[in-house]
Every structure is written in C-alpha cells, then in structure tokens.
Amino acid sequence: KYPYVIRDLCLKIPEESVYVEVEQKILQFILSQNFIVDIYPMDFYKKDKEKFITFRLKIRSETKTLTDEEVNVLIKDLLNELNKDGICLREK
C-alpha cells in the first residue's frame, strides 16, 4: 500500500449547490483519473449569498508513491473540471 498525499481545498460554490453534489463531483473526477481518494468535510461557511466548503482530500495510487507534481496536476485538472459548474478556489 502506498502513502496518501493530503490536500485541503477551500471551494467557493454556487448558492444553490449542495455539499453531496460537490463531494460526488470531486470523488468521480479523482477516481476517473485512477487514483484512490478519501474526502472529509473540514469546514462550511456562508456569507451573504456566497458559500464555501473546505475539503480534506487524502489521495493515493495503487501502483506507486505519488509525487507532489502529480498531485498538483491532478488538483489543477480537478479545479478546471469543477469550474465548469461554477465552483472555484476561495480567493484570499
């Protein structure tokens, strides 16, 4: 068994979005890339008409130890996919 790489993502989601839908989109995308992932909700925040969810992702491969670069590319591709549904990283 290979080690997990942990990434926390704070996402700004559309007001009408539901947590489970966002979680499923993340799960389906990462699994489609042949990685294993555990997803944990870390925080939920709503301000005015904006909603934010922080997820902790534990990502690993069944075949090798992942490099930071591989995980960074995966997260970038995931964010591009989520962006199609109006979901983006929270701006600081």
PDB file of N, CA and C in Angstrom:
ATOM      1  N   LYS A   1       0.852  -1.181   0.000  1.00  0.00           N
ATOM      2  CA  LYS A   1       0.000   0.000   0.000  1.00  0.00           C
ATOM      3  C   LYS A   1       0.894   1.240   0.000  1.00  0.00           C
ATOM      4  N   TYR A   2       0.530   2.193  -0.841  1.00  0.00           N
ATOM      5  CA  TYR A   2       1.338   3.401  -0.984  1.00  0.00           C
ATOM      6  C   TYR A   2       0.762   4.542  -0.136  1.00  0.00           C
ATOM      7  N   PRO A   3       1.615   5.497   0.231  1.00  0.00           N
ATOM      8  CA  PRO A   3       1.159   6.558   1.143  1.00  0.00           C
ATOM      9  C   PRO A   3       0.182   7.538   0.489  1.00  0.00           C
ATOM     10  N   TYR A   4      -0.635   8.111   1.335  1.00  0.00           N
ATOM     11  CA  TYR A   4      -1.552   9.158   0.908  1.00  0.00           C
ATOM     12  C   TYR A   4      -0.823  10.490   0.833  1.00  0.00           C
ATOM     13  N   VAL A   5      -1.313  11.354  -0.046  1.00  0.00           N
ATOM     14  CA  VAL A   5      -0.915  12.753  -0.072  1.00  0.00           C
ATOM     15  C   VAL A   5      -2.159  13.533   0.341  1.00  0.00           C
ATOM     16  N   ILE A   6      -1.988  14.463   1.255  1.00  0.00           N
ATOM     17  CA  ILE A   6      -3.136  15.214   1.768  1.00  0.00           C
ATOM     18  C   ILE A   6      -3.146  16.620   1.175  1.00  0.00           C
ATOM     19  N   ARG A   7      -4.325  17.018   0.703  1.00  0.00           N
ATOM     20  CA  ARG A   7      -4.529  18.379   0.204  1.00  0.00           C
ATOM     21  C   ARG A   7      -5.838  18.911   0.783  1.00  0.00           C
ATOM     22  N   ASP A   8      -5.809  20.152   1.247  1.00  0.00           N
ATOM     23  CA  ASP A   8      -7.028  20.823   1.688  1.00  0.00           C
ATOM     24  C   ASP A   8      -7.434  21.825   0.614  1.00  0.00           C
ATOM     25  N   LEU A   9      -8.707  21.787   0.245  1.00  0.00           N
ATOM     26  CA  LEU A   9      -9.231  22.709  -0.760  1.00  0.00           C
ATOM     27  C   LEU A   9     -10.398  23.481  -0.161  1.00  0.00           C
ATOM     28  N   CYS A  10     -10.310  24.801  -0.177  1.00  0.00           N
ATOM     29  CA  CYS A  10     -11.443  25.632   0.224  1.00  0.00           C
ATOM     30  C   CYS A  10     -12.093  26.133  -1.061  1.00  0.00           C
ATOM     31  N   LEU A  11     -13.318  25.666  -1.299  1.00  0.00           N
ATOM     32  CA  LEU A  11     -14.006  25.957  -2.545  1.00  0.00           C
ATOM     33  C   LEU A  11     -15.166  26.913  -2.326  1.00  0.00           C
ATOM     34  N   LYS A  12     -15.277  27.865  -3.239  1.00  0.00           N
ATOM     35  CA  LYS A  12     -16.452  28.732  -3.289  1.00  0.00           C
ATOM     36  C   LYS A  12     -17.438  28.047  -4.224  1.00  0.00           C
ATOM     37  N   ILE A  13     -18.647  27.803  -3.721  1.00  0.00           N
ATOM     38  CA  ILE A  13     -19.621  27.068  -4.522  1.00  0.00           C
ATOM     39  C   ILE A  13     -20.862  27.929  -4.756  1.00  0.00           C
ATOM     40  N   PRO A  14     -21.576  27.667  -5.857  1.00  0.00           N
ATOM     41  CA  PRO A  14     -22.808  28.421  -6.103  1.00  0.00           C
ATOM     42  C   PRO A  14     -23.800  28.240  -4.955  1.00  0.00           C
ATOM     43  N   GLU A  15     -24.586  29.265  -4.717  1.00  0.00           N
ATOM     44  CA  GLU A  15     -25.520  29.259  -3.585  1.00  0.00           C
ATOM     45  C   GLU A  15     -26.461  28.057  -3.617  1.00  0.00           C
ATOM     46  N   GLU A  16     -26.862  27.640  -4.824  1.00  0.00           N
ATOM     47  CA  GLU A  16     -27.817  26.537  -4.935  1.00  0.00           C
ATOM     48  C   GLU A  16     -27.155  25.156  -4.842  1.00  0.00           C
ATOM     49  N   SER A  17     -25.829  25.110  -4.824  1.00  0.00           N
ATOM     50  CA  SER A  17     -25.124  23.824  -4.758  1.00  0.00           C
ATOM     51  C   SER A  17     -25.309  23.163  -3.400  1.00  0.00           C
ATOM     52  N   VAL A  18     -25.285  21.849  -3.413  1.00  0.00           N
ATOM     53  CA  VAL A  18     -25.431  21.046  -2.204  1.00  0.00           C
ATOM     54  C   VAL A  18     -24.113  20.316  -1.959  1.00  0.00           C
ATOM     55  N   TYR A  19     -23.734  20.188  -0.685  1.00  0.00           N
ATOM     56  CA  TYR A  19     -22.470  19.549  -0.316  1.00  0.00           C
ATOM     57  C   TYR A  19     -22.271  18.211  -1.019  1.00  0.00           C
ATOM     58  N   VAL A  20     -23.289  17.351  -0.973  1.00  0.00           N
ATOM     59  CA  VAL A  20     -23.151  15.994  -1.516  1.00  0.00           C
ATOM     60  C   VAL A  20     -22.837  16.025  -3.010  1.00  0.00           C
ATOM     61  N   GLU A  21     -23.429  16.959  -3.740  1.00  0.00           N
ATOM     62  CA  GLU A  21     -23.169  17.066  -5.179  1.00  0.00           C
ATOM     63  C   GLU A  21     -21.711  17.428  -5.437  1.00  0.00           C
ATOM     64  N   VAL A  22     -21.199  18.372  -4.671  1.00  0.00           N
ATOM     65  CA  VAL A  22     -19.801  18.799  -4.846  1.00  0.00           C
ATOM     66  C   VAL A  22     -18.865  17.648  -4.486  1.00  0.00           C
ATOM     67  N   GLU A  23     -19.142  16.981  -3.379  1.00  0.00           N
ATOM     68  CA  GLU A  23     -18.331  15.837  -2.965  1.00  0.00           C
ATOM     69  C   GLU A  23     -18.321  14.757  -4.047  1.00  0.00           C
ATOM     70  N   GLN A  24     -19.468  14.467  -4.634  1.00  0.00           N
ATOM     71  CA  GLN A  24     -19.556  13.442  -5.678  1.00  0.00           C
ATOM     72  C   GLN A  24     -18.768  13.837  -6.922  1.00  0.00           C
ATOM     73  N   LYS A  25     -18.816  15.105  -7.297  1.00  0.00           N
ATOM     74  CA  LYS A  25     -18.045  15.579  -8.453  1.00  0.00           C
ATOM     75  C   LYS A  25     -16.549  15.361  -8.218  1.00  0.00           C
ATOM     76  N   ILE A  26     -16.086  15.698  -7.013  1.00  0.00           N
ATOM     77  CA  ILE A  26     -14.672  15.511  -6.674  1.00  0.00           C
ATOM     78  C   ILE A  26     -14.322  14.030  -6.712  1.00  0.00           C
ATOM     79  N   LEU A  27     -15.124  13.227  -6.057  1.00  0.00           N
ATOM     80  CA  LEU A  27     -14.884  11.787  -5.989  1.00  0.00           C
ATOM     81  C   LEU A  27     -14.847  11.167  -7.381  1.00  0.00           C
ATOM     82  N   GLN A  28     -15.844  11.452  -8.197  1.00  0.00           N
ATOM     83  CA  GLN A  28     -15.916  10.872  -9.537  1.00  0.00           C
ATOM     84  C   GLN A  28     -14.724  11.279 -10.392  1.00  0.00           C
ATOM     85  N   PHE A  29     -14.336  12.560 -10.305  1.00  0.00           N
ATOM     86  CA  PHE A  29     -13.213  13.011 -11.125  1.00  0.00           C
ATOM     87  C   PHE A  29     -11.919  12.312 -10.718  1.00  0.00           C
ATOM     88  N   ILE A  30     -11.628  12.285  -9.429  1.00  0.00           N
ATOM     89  CA  ILE A  30     -10.364  11.689  -8.977  1.00  0.00           C
ATOM     90  C   ILE A  30     -10.333  10.196  -9.273  1.00  0.00           C
ATOM     91  N   LEU A  31     -11.445   9.506  -9.062  1.00  0.00           N
ATOM     92  CA  LEU A  31     -11.497   8.074  -9.389  1.00  0.00           C
ATOM     93  C   LEU A  31     -11.327   7.850 -10.888  1.00  0.00           C
ATOM     94  N   SER A  32     -11.863   8.747 -11.715  1.00  0.00           N
ATOM     95  CA  SER A  32     -11.731   8.606 -13.172  1.00  0.00           C
ATOM     96  C   SER A  32     -10.279   8.743 -13.621  1.00  0.00           C
ATOM     97  N   GLN A  33      -9.447   9.347 -12.772  1.00  0.00           N
ATOM     98  CA  GLN A  33      -8.022   9.506 -13.079  1.00  0.00           C
ATOM     99  C   GLN A  33      -7.191   8.360 -12.497  1.00  0.00           C
ATOM    100  N   ASN A  34      -7.883   7.329 -12.020  1.00  0.00           N
ATOM    101  CA  ASN A  34      -7.252   6.119 -11.468  1.00  0.00           C
ATOM    102  C   ASN A  34      -6.473   6.349 -10.176  1.00  0.00           C
ATOM    103  N   PHE A  35      -6.994   7.228  -9.350  1.00  0.00           N
ATOM    104  CA  PHE A  35      -6.447   7.438  -8.020  1.00  0.00           C
ATOM    105  C   PHE A  35      -7.487   7.020  -6.990  1.00  0.00           C
ATOM    106  N   ILE A  36      -7.039   6.795  -5.789  1.00  0.00           N
ATOM    107  CA  ILE A  36      -7.916   6.481  -4.668  1.00  0.00           C
ATOM    108  C   ILE A  36      -7.994   7.741  -3.815  1.00  0.00           C
ATOM    109  N   VAL A  37      -9.190   8.060  -3.327  1.00  0.00           N
ATOM    110  CA  VAL A  37      -9.333   9.288  -2.539  1.00  0.00           C
ATOM    111  C   VAL A  37     -10.311   9.078  -1.391  1.00  0.00           C
ATOM    112  N   ASP A  38      -9.967   9.652  -0.258  1.00  0.00           N
ATOM    113  CA  ASP A  38     -10.894   9.784   0.860  1.00  0.00           C
ATOM    114  C   ASP A  38     -11.172  11.276   0.993  1.00  0.00           C
ATOM    115  N   ILE A  39     -12.435  11.627   1.165  1.00  0.00           N
ATOM    116  CA  ILE A  39     -12.833  13.032   1.244  1.00  0.00           C
ATOM    117  C   ILE A  39     -13.461  13.297   2.608  1.00  0.00           C
ATOM    118  N   TYR A  40     -12.982  14.358   3.252  1.00  0.00           N
ATOM    119  CA  TYR A  40     -13.512  14.734   4.564  1.00  0.00           C
ATOM    120  C   TYR A  40     -13.941  16.197   4.533  1.00  0.00           C
ATOM    121  N   PRO A  41     -15.160  16.504   4.972  1.00  0.00           N
ATOM    122  CA  PRO A  41     -15.544  17.912   5.096  1.00  0.00           C
ATOM    123  C   PRO A  41     -14.852  18.504   6.319  1.00  0.00           C
ATOM    124  N   MET A  42     -14.205  19.631   6.143  1.00  0.00           N
ATOM    125  CA  MET A  42     -13.475  20.251   7.249  1.00  0.00           C
ATOM    126  C   MET A  42     -14.179  21.506   7.771  1.00  0.00           C
ATOM    127  N   ASP A  43     -14.834  22.235   6.857  1.00  0.00           N
ATOM    128  CA  ASP A  43     -15.442  23.496   7.261  1.00  0.00           C
ATOM    129  C   ASP A  43     -16.518  23.882   6.257  1.00  0.00           C
ATOM    130  N   PHE A  44     -17.532  24.560   6.733  1.00  0.00           N
ATOM    131  CA  PHE A  44     -18.580  25.107   5.881  1.00  0.00           C
ATOM    132  C   PHE A  44     -18.835  26.527   6.354  1.00  0.00           C
ATOM    133  N   TYR A  45     -18.933  27.451   5.399  1.00  0.00           N
ATOM    134  CA  TYR A  45     -19.100  28.854   5.756  1.00  0.00           C
ATOM    135  C   TYR A  45     -20.027  29.501   4.742  1.00  0.00           C
ATOM    136  N   LYS A  46     -20.961  30.285   5.221  1.00  0.00           N
ATOM    137  CA  LYS A  46     -21.861  31.016   4.329  1.00  0.00           C
ATOM    138  C   LYS A  46     -21.855  32.474   4.725  1.00  0.00           C
ATOM    139  N   LYS A  47     -21.658  33.333   3.726  1.00  0.00           N
ATOM    140  CA  LYS A  47     -21.660  34.780   3.961  1.00  0.00           C
ATOM    141  C   LYS A  47     -22.470  35.418   2.842  1.00  0.00           C
ATOM    142  N   ASP A  48     -23.514  36.126   3.224  1.00  0.00           N
ATOM    143  CA  ASP A  48     -24.419  36.730   2.249  1.00  0.00           C
ATOM    144  C   ASP A  48     -24.913  35.647   1.290  1.00  0.00           C
ATOM    145  N   LYS A  49     -24.587  35.772   0.013  1.00  0.00           N
ATOM    146  CA  LYS A  49     -25.034  34.777  -0.967  1.00  0.00           C
ATOM    147  C   LYS A  49     -23.890  33.860  -1.405  1.00  0.00           C
ATOM    148  N   GLU A  50     -22.802  33.872  -0.661  1.00  0.00           N
ATOM    149  CA  GLU A  50     -21.649  33.031  -1.005  1.00  0.00           C
ATOM    150  C   GLU A  50     -21.539  31.864  -0.029  1.00  0.00           C
ATOM    151  N   LYS A  51     -21.187  30.701  -0.573  1.00  0.00           N
ATOM    152  CA  LYS A  51     -20.991  29.504   0.247  1.00  0.00           C
ATOM    153  C   LYS A  51     -19.587  28.968   0.001  1.00  0.00           C
ATOM    154  N   PHE A  52     -18.958  28.507   1.085  1.00  0.00           N
ATOM    155  CA  PHE A  52     -17.611  27.954   0.999  1.00  0.00           C
ATOM    156  C   PHE A  52     -17.577  26.619   1.734  1.00  0.00           C
ATOM    157  N   ILE A  53     -16.904  25.654   1.139  1.00  0.00           N
ATOM    158  CA  ILE A  53     -16.698  24.363   1.790  1.00  0.00           C
ATOM    159  C   ILE A  53     -15.213  24.039   1.713  1.00  0.00           C
ATOM    160  N   THR A  54     -14.646  23.625   2.835  1.00  0.00           N
ATOM    161  CA  THR A  54     -13.266  23.147   2.841  1.00  0.00           C
ATOM    162  C   THR A  54     -13.293  21.629   2.937  1.00  0.00           C
ATOM    163  N   PHE A  55     -12.609  21.005   1.991  1.00  0.00           N
ATOM    164  CA  PHE A  55     -12.481  19.553   1.956  1.00  0.00           C
ATOM    165  C   PHE A  55     -11.041  19.160   2.225  1.00  0.00           C
ATOM    166  N   ARG A  56     -10.838  18.091   2.954  1.00  0.00           N
ATOM    167  CA  ARG A  56      -9.524  17.465   3.063  1.00  0.00           C
ATOM    168  C   ARG A  56      -9.554  16.237   2.157  1.00  0.00           C
ATOM    169  N   LEU A  57      -8.618  16.191   1.220  1.00  0.00           N
ATOM    170  CA  LEU A  57      -8.512  15.072   0.290  1.00  0.00           C
ATOM    171  C   LEU A  57      -7.279  14.259   0.639  1.00  0.00           C
ATOM    172  N   LYS A  58      -7.461  12.959   0.823  1.00  0.00           N
ATOM    173  CA  LYS A  58      -6.336  12.039   1.009  1.00  0.00           C
ATOM    174  C   LYS A  58      -6.269  11.203  -0.260  1.00  0.00           C
ATOM    175  N   ILE A  59      -5.229  11.451  -1.058  1.00  0.00           N
ATOM    176  CA  ILE A  59      -5.127  10.870  -2.394  1.00  0.00           C
ATOM    177  C   ILE A  59      -3.950   9.906  -2.438  1.00  0.00           C
ATOM    178  N   ARG A  60      -4.158   8.760  -3.089  1.00  0.00           N
ATOM    179  CA  ARG A  60      -3.044   7.837  -3.284  1.00  0.00           C
ATOM    180  C   ARG A  60      -3.258   7.033  -4.553  1.00  0.00           C
ATOM    181  N   SER A  61      -2.217   6.337  -4.932  1.00  0.00           N
ATOM    182  CA  SER A  61      -2.242   5.447  -6.088  1.00  0.00           C
ATOM    183  C   SER A  61      -2.089   4.015  -5.597  1.00  0.00           C
ATOM    184  N   GLU A  62      -2.639   3.079  -6.352  1.00  0.00           N
ATOM    185  CA  GLU A  62      -2.446   1.662  -6.015  1.00  0.00           C
ATOM    186  C   GLU A  62      -1.128   1.125  -6.557  1.00  0.00           C
ATOM    187  N   THR A  63      -0.474   1.897  -7.426  1.00  0.00           N
ATOM    188  CA  THR A  63       0.703   1.372  -8.117  1.00  0.00           C
ATOM    189  C   THR A  63       2.022   2.042  -7.759  1.00  0.00           C
ATOM    190  N   LYS A  64       1.971   3.210  -7.104  1.00  0.00           N
ATOM    191  CA  LYS A  64       3.228   3.909  -6.822  1.00  0.00           C
ATOM    192  C   LYS A  64       3.020   5.006  -5.791  1.00  0.00           C
ATOM    193  N   THR A  65       4.128   5.542  -5.314  1.00  0.00           N
ATOM    194  CA  THR A  65       4.095   6.717  -4.454  1.00  0.00           C
ATOM    195  C   THR A  65       3.942   7.942  -5.348  1.00  0.00           C
ATOM    196  N   LEU A  66       2.974   8.771  -5.037  1.00  0.00           N
ATOM    197  CA  LEU A  66       2.725   9.959  -5.853  1.00  0.00           C
ATOM    198  C   LEU A  66       3.706  11.072  -5.515  1.00  0.00           C
ATOM    199  N   THR A  67       4.109  11.809  -6.541  1.00  0.00           N
ATOM    200  CA  THR A  67       4.950  12.986  -6.332  1.00  0.00           C
ATOM    201  C   THR A  67       4.050  14.201  -6.123  1.00  0.00           C
ATOM    202  N   ASP A  68       4.613  15.247  -5.539  1.00  0.00           N
ATOM    203  CA  ASP A  68       3.858  16.495  -5.387  1.00  0.00           C
ATOM    204  C   ASP A  68       3.392  17.007  -6.740  1.00  0.00           C
ATOM    205  N   GLU A  69       4.252  16.898  -7.738  1.00  0.00           N
ATOM    206  CA  GLU A  69       3.907  17.380  -9.077  1.00  0.00           C
ATOM    207  C   GLU A  69       2.694  16.643  -9.637  1.00  0.00           C
ATOM    208  N   GLU A  70       2.644  15.332  -9.466  1.00  0.00           N
ATOM    209  CA  GLU A  70       1.495  14.554  -9.954  1.00  0.00           C
ATOM    210  C   GLU A  70       0.206  14.984  -9.259  1.00  0.00           C
ATOM    211  N   VAL A  71       0.285  15.204  -7.968  1.00  0.00           N
ATOM    212  CA  VAL A  71      -0.902  15.620  -7.218  1.00  0.00           C
ATOM    213  C   VAL A  71      -1.293  17.045  -7.598  1.00  0.00           C
ATOM    214  N   ASN A  72      -0.313  17.918  -7.794  1.00  0.00           N
ATOM    215  CA  ASN A  72      -0.608  19.293  -8.206  1.00  0.00           C
ATOM    216  C   ASN A  72      -1.331  19.324  -9.551  1.00  0.00           C
ATOM    217  N   VAL A  73      -0.887  18.495 -10.488  1.00  0.00           N
ATOM    218  CA  VAL A  73      -1.541  18.412 -11.802  1.00  0.00           C
ATOM    219  C   VAL A  73      -2.968  17.884 -11.645  1.00  0.00           C
ATOM    220  N   LEU A  74      -3.138  16.862 -10.820  1.00  0.00           N
ATOM    221  CA  LEU A  74      -4.467  16.309 -10.573  1.00  0.00           C
ATOM    222  C   LEU A  74      -5.404  17.377 -10.002  1.00  0.00           C
ATOM    223  N   ILE A  75      -4.931  18.134  -9.018  1.00  0.00           N
ATOM    224  CA  ILE A  75      -5.757  19.170  -8.393  1.00  0.00           C
ATOM    225  C   ILE A  75      -6.086  20.269  -9.402  1.00  0.00           C
ATOM    226  N   LYS A  76      -5.111  20.645 -10.218  1.00  0.00           N
ATOM    227  CA  LYS A  76      -5.347  21.663 -11.254  1.00  0.00           C
ATOM    228  C   LYS A  76      -6.430  21.186 -12.216  1.00  0.00           C
ATOM    229  N   ASP A  77      -6.333  19.942 -12.666  1.00  0.00           N
ATOM    230  CA  ASP A  77      -7.336  19.381 -13.575  1.00  0.00           C
ATOM    231  C   ASP A  77      -8.705  19.288 -12.894  1.00  0.00           C
ATOM    232  N   LEU A  78      -8.711  18.910 -11.624  1.00  0.00           N
ATOM    233  CA  LEU A  78      -9.957  18.844 -10.863  1.00  0.00           C
ATOM    234  C   LEU A  78     -10.610  20.225 -10.794  1.00  0.00           C
ATOM    235  N   LEU A  79      -9.822  21.247 -10.483  1.00  0.00           N
ATOM    236  CA  LEU A  79     -10.364  22.604 -10.382  1.00  0.00           C
ATOM    237  C   LEU A  79     -10.908  23.083 -11.721  1.00  0.00           C
ATOM    238  N   ASN A  80     -10.228  22.732 -12.817  1.00  0.00           N
ATOM    239  CA  ASN A  80     -10.734  23.081 -14.150  1.00  0.00           C
ATOM    240  C   ASN A  80     -12.088  22.429 -14.398  1.00  0.00           C
ATOM    241  N   GLU A  81     -12.230  21.180 -13.976  1.00  0.00           N
ATOM    242  CA  GLU A  81     -13.495  20.459 -14.137  1.00  0.00           C
ATOM    243  C   GLU A  81     -14.595  21.082 -13.267  1.00  0.00           C
ATOM    244  N   LEU A  82     -14.279  21.389 -12.017  1.00  0.00           N
ATOM    245  CA  LEU A  82     -15.267  21.980 -11.110  1.00  0.00           C
ATOM    246  C   LEU A  82     -15.698  23.371 -11.573  1.00  0.00           C
ATOM    247  N   ASN A  83     -14.755  24.077 -12.201  1.00  0.00           N
ATOM    248  CA  ASN A  83     -15.033  25.428 -12.683  1.00  0.00           C
ATOM    249  C   ASN A  83     -16.193  25.447 -13.671  1.00  0.00           C
ATOM    250  N   LYS A  84     -16.380  24.348 -14.405  1.00  0.00           N
ATOM    251  CA  LYS A  84     -17.484  24.245 -15.372  1.00  0.00           C
ATOM    252  C   LYS A  84     -18.835  24.351 -14.673  1.00  0.00           C
ATOM    253  N   ASP A  85     -18.869  24.023 -13.382  1.00  0.00           N
ATOM    254  CA  ASP A  85     -20.101  24.094 -12.600  1.00  0.00           C
ATOM    255  C   ASP A  85     -20.123  25.311 -11.673  1.00  0.00           C
ATOM    256  N   GLY A  86     -19.239  26.276 -11.938  1.00  0.00           N
ATOM    257  CA  GLY A  86     -19.224  27.494 -11.138  1.00  0.00           C
ATOM    258  C   GLY A  86     -18.548  27.348  -9.789  1.00  0.00           C
ATOM    259  N   ILE A  87     -17.744  26.293  -9.629  1.00  0.00           N
ATOM    260  CA  ILE A  87     -17.042  26.033  -8.368  1.00  0.00           C
ATOM    261  C   ILE A  87     -15.584  26.425  -8.553  1.00  0.00           C
ATOM    262  N   CYS A  88     -15.042  27.204  -7.627  1.00  0.00           N
ATOM    263  CA  CYS A  88     -13.650  27.643  -7.758  1.00  0.00           C
ATOM    264  C   CYS A  88     -12.994  27.700  -6.381  1.00  0.00           C
ATOM    265  N   LEU A  89     -11.678  27.841  -6.391  1.00  0.00           N
ATOM    266  CA  LEU A  89     -10.955  28.027  -5.135  1.00  0.00           C
ATOM    267  C   LEU A  89     -11.376  29.346  -4.509  1.00  0.00           C
ATOM    268  N   ARG A  90     -11.451  29.352  -3.203  1.00  0.00           N
ATOM    269  CA  ARG A  90     -11.768  30.590  -2.493  1.00  0.00           C
ATOM    270  C   ARG A  90     -10.606  31.557  -2.658  1.00  0.00           C
ATOM    271  N   GLU A  91     -10.931  32.804  -2.962  1.00  0.00           N
ATOM    272  CA  GLU A  91      -9.894  33.828  -3.078  1.00  0.00           C
ATOM    273  C   GLU A  91      -9.551  34.328  -1.696  1.00  0.00           C
ATOM    274  N   LYS A  92      -8.271  34.582  -1.486  1.00  0.00           N
ATOM    275  CA  LYS A  92      -7.822  35.035  -0.159  1.00  0.00           C
ATOM    276  C   LYS A  92      -8.107  36.501   0.025  1.00  0.00           C
TER     277      LYS A  92
END
